[in-house]
Amino acid sequence: MKLKDLLIAVSIVALGLLSPLTISGETSEVISSLEAPMPVIAGSVTYLTGGIGASEAESIRAIAKNYPLEIVFVQKLDLKEEFLAEVKVKIEDHHQNLILDITTEGPYLLANLAKGSYQIIAEYNGNVKRQWVNVGDINNKKSKHKKVVFWWPA
């Protein structure tokens, strides 16, 4: 998409002449990314975290495929699930080098990691969960996006 087209689309939505829901394709994705939290750079990793509220969650889901790794944090409560924030997350490479160490600001964490194997260590209310993930899976060349969901009991 050309910058000129993007600026026109954003201006139209900002003026209230067109709902963001009526815009399709790349323009819609760009507008959604404007509503998402700003990415943060920590060392060699660009990440964003958030998803509090329906609008912000929808915006993050719309741009998630642009990040190699998407992590979602959920707590199982009886017959329903509740999204979690303030989850302590560490991501280590296969040599146990610390790549990312943050506390989430919502139920979503998107991270732009280099191709490789990583251990995700997530802690919520003292309950630690670990999971290995391959980003840019060498066995599946088409796999550019990996989604991991962490579940905690009530």
Protein backbone atom coordinates (compact mmCIF):
# COMPACT_ATOMS: atom_id res chain seq x y z
CA MET A 1 0.00 0.00 0.00
CA LYS A 2 1.26 3.45 -0.84
CA LEU A 3 1.72 6.01 1.93
CA LYS A 4 -0.66 8.36 0.15
CA ASP A 5 -3.45 5.72 0.19
CA LEU A 6 -2.82 5.00 3.87
CA LEU A 7 -2.98 8.67 4.81
CA ILE A 8 -6.24 9.09 2.90
CA ALA A 9 -7.79 6.04 4.60
CA VAL A 10 -6.71 7.16 8.07
CA SER A 11 -8.01 10.68 7.40
CA ILE A 12 -11.38 9.38 6.23
CA VAL A 13 -11.78 7.25 9.34
CA ALA A 14 -10.55 10.06 11.62
CA LEU A 15 -13.12 12.42 10.14
CA GLY A 16 -15.82 9.85 10.82
CA LEU A 17 -16.78 9.60 7.16
CA LEU A 18 -16.23 5.84 7.10
CA SER A 19 -16.19 3.18 9.78
CA PRO A 20 -12.94 1.20 10.10
CA LEU A 21 -15.07 -1.94 9.73
CA THR A 22 -16.02 -0.97 6.17
CA ILE A 23 -12.41 -0.73 5.05
CA SER A 24 -10.89 -3.92 3.74
CA GLY A 25 -7.51 -5.39 2.94
CA GLU A 26 -4.21 -3.80 3.89
CA THR A 27 -5.79 -0.49 4.88
CA SER A 28 -7.92 -2.21 7.50
CA GLU A 29 -4.85 -3.95 8.92
CA VAL A 30 -2.91 -0.69 9.11
CA ILE A 31 -5.77 1.08 10.87
CA SER A 32 -6.04 -1.81 13.35
CA SER A 33 -2.33 -1.53 14.03
CA LEU A 34 -2.83 2.15 14.90
CA GLU A 35 -5.19 1.08 17.72
CA ALA A 36 -2.81 -1.57 19.06
CA PRO A 37 -0.21 -0.78 21.74
CA MET A 38 3.07 0.61 20.47
CA PRO A 39 5.84 -1.94 19.88
CA VAL A 40 8.81 -1.86 22.25
CA ILE A 41 12.40 -2.72 21.40
CA ALA A 42 14.32 -4.70 24.03
CA GLY A 43 17.74 -5.77 22.83
CA SER A 44 17.25 -7.59 19.54
CA VAL A 45 13.51 -8.19 20.11
CA THR A 46 10.61 -6.00 19.07
CA TYR A 47 7.48 -6.88 21.00
CA LEU A 48 4.12 -5.55 22.07
CA THR A 49 1.81 -6.57 24.85
CA GLY A 50 -1.76 -5.64 25.67
CA GLY A 51 -5.26 -6.57 24.67
CA ILE A 52 -7.23 -5.00 27.50
CA GLY A 53 -10.67 -4.20 26.13
CA ALA A 54 -12.37 -5.51 23.02
CA SER A 55 -10.99 -2.86 20.65
CA GLU A 56 -7.36 -3.29 21.68
CA ALA A 57 -7.67 -7.10 21.67
CA GLU A 58 -9.16 -7.04 18.17
CA SER A 59 -6.37 -4.74 16.98
CA ILE A 60 -3.69 -7.05 18.33
CA ARG A 61 -5.32 -10.13 16.78
CA ALA A 62 -5.44 -8.29 13.44
CA ILE A 63 -1.68 -7.68 13.39
CA ALA A 64 -0.55 -10.88 15.17
CA LYS A 65 0.32 -12.66 11.92
CA ASN A 66 3.00 -10.01 11.32
CA TYR A 67 4.95 -11.32 14.33
CA PRO A 68 6.67 -14.71 14.36
CA LEU A 69 5.43 -15.45 17.90
CA GLU A 70 2.04 -14.81 19.50
CA ILE A 71 1.43 -15.79 23.12
CA VAL A 72 -1.96 -15.68 24.85
CA PHE A 73 -2.52 -15.98 28.61
CA VAL A 74 -5.79 -17.44 29.90
CA GLN A 75 -7.21 -18.62 33.22
CA LYS A 76 -9.88 -21.32 33.32
CA LEU A 77 -12.70 -20.30 35.68
CA ASP A 78 -15.40 -22.96 36.07
CA LEU A 79 -17.24 -22.89 32.72
CA LYS A 80 -15.54 -19.83 31.28
CA GLU A 81 -12.10 -18.48 30.49
CA GLU A 82 -10.66 -15.16 31.56
CA PHE A 83 -7.81 -13.39 29.84
CA LEU A 84 -4.85 -12.53 32.07
CA ALA A 85 -2.55 -9.53 32.40
CA GLU A 86 0.52 -9.01 34.56
CA VAL A 87 2.03 -12.36 33.62
CA LYS A 88 5.80 -12.48 34.12
CA VAL A 89 7.39 -13.77 30.93
CA LYS A 90 10.95 -14.76 30.16
CA ILE A 91 12.06 -16.06 26.80
CA GLU A 92 15.37 -17.89 26.55
CA ASP A 93 17.14 -19.24 23.48
CA HIS A 94 18.34 -22.84 23.24
CA HIS A 95 21.60 -21.83 25.00
CA GLN A 96 19.58 -20.45 27.96
CA ASN A 97 20.48 -16.86 27.04
CA LEU A 98 17.78 -14.50 28.24
CA ILE A 99 16.18 -12.89 25.19
CA LEU A 100 13.19 -11.14 26.79
CA ASP A 101 12.12 -10.50 30.39
CA ILE A 102 8.85 -8.57 30.82
CA THR A 103 5.53 -8.40 32.65
CA THR A 104 2.59 -8.34 30.26
CA GLU A 105 0.12 -5.47 30.08
CA GLY A 106 -2.67 -7.67 28.78
CA PRO A 107 -3.43 -11.19 27.59
CA TYR A 108 -1.42 -10.93 24.36
CA LEU A 109 2.31 -10.85 23.73
CA LEU A 110 3.59 -10.54 20.18
CA ALA A 111 7.34 -10.94 19.69
CA ASN A 112 9.54 -10.53 16.65
CA LEU A 113 12.09 -13.24 17.35
CA ALA A 114 14.74 -14.56 15.02
CA LYS A 115 14.35 -18.07 13.66
CA GLY A 116 15.23 -20.64 16.32
CA SER A 117 14.16 -22.62 19.39
CA TYR A 118 13.06 -20.75 22.49
CA GLN A 119 11.84 -21.65 25.94
CA ILE A 120 8.97 -19.49 27.19
CA ILE A 121 8.71 -19.26 30.97
CA ALA A 122 5.45 -17.69 32.13
CA GLU A 123 4.52 -17.05 35.77
CA TYR A 124 1.13 -16.02 37.11
CA ASN A 125 0.33 -15.93 40.84
CA GLY A 126 3.43 -18.00 41.61
CA ASN A 127 2.44 -20.77 39.17
CA VAL A 128 5.21 -21.22 36.58
CA LYS A 129 4.66 -22.80 33.18
CA ARG A 130 7.31 -23.57 30.57
CA GLN A 131 7.03 -24.39 26.91
CA TRP A 132 9.51 -24.78 24.07
CA VAL A 133 8.62 -23.25 20.73
CA ASN A 134 10.28 -23.25 17.32
CA VAL A 135 9.99 -19.89 15.60
CA GLY A 136 10.34 -19.98 11.83
CA ASP A 137 10.01 -23.75 12.08
CA ILE A 138 12.77 -25.35 10.01
CA ASN A 139 10.55 -28.37 9.30
CA ASN A 140 7.72 -26.24 7.90
CA LYS A 141 9.02 -23.49 5.65
CA LYS A 142 5.51 -22.01 5.25
CA SER A 143 5.10 -21.51 9.00
CA LYS A 144 5.92 -17.86 9.67
CA HIS A 145 3.67 -17.45 12.72
CA LYS A 146 3.50 -19.53 15.88
CA LYS A 147 0.71 -19.17 18.46
CA VAL A 148 1.13 -20.46 22.01
CA VAL A 149 -1.61 -20.37 24.65
CA PHE A 150 -0.81 -20.68 28.36
CA TRP A 151 -3.69 -21.86 30.59
CA TRP A 152 -3.85 -21.54 34.36
CA PRO A 153 -6.47 -23.13 36.64
CA ALA A 154 -8.63 -20.91 38.85
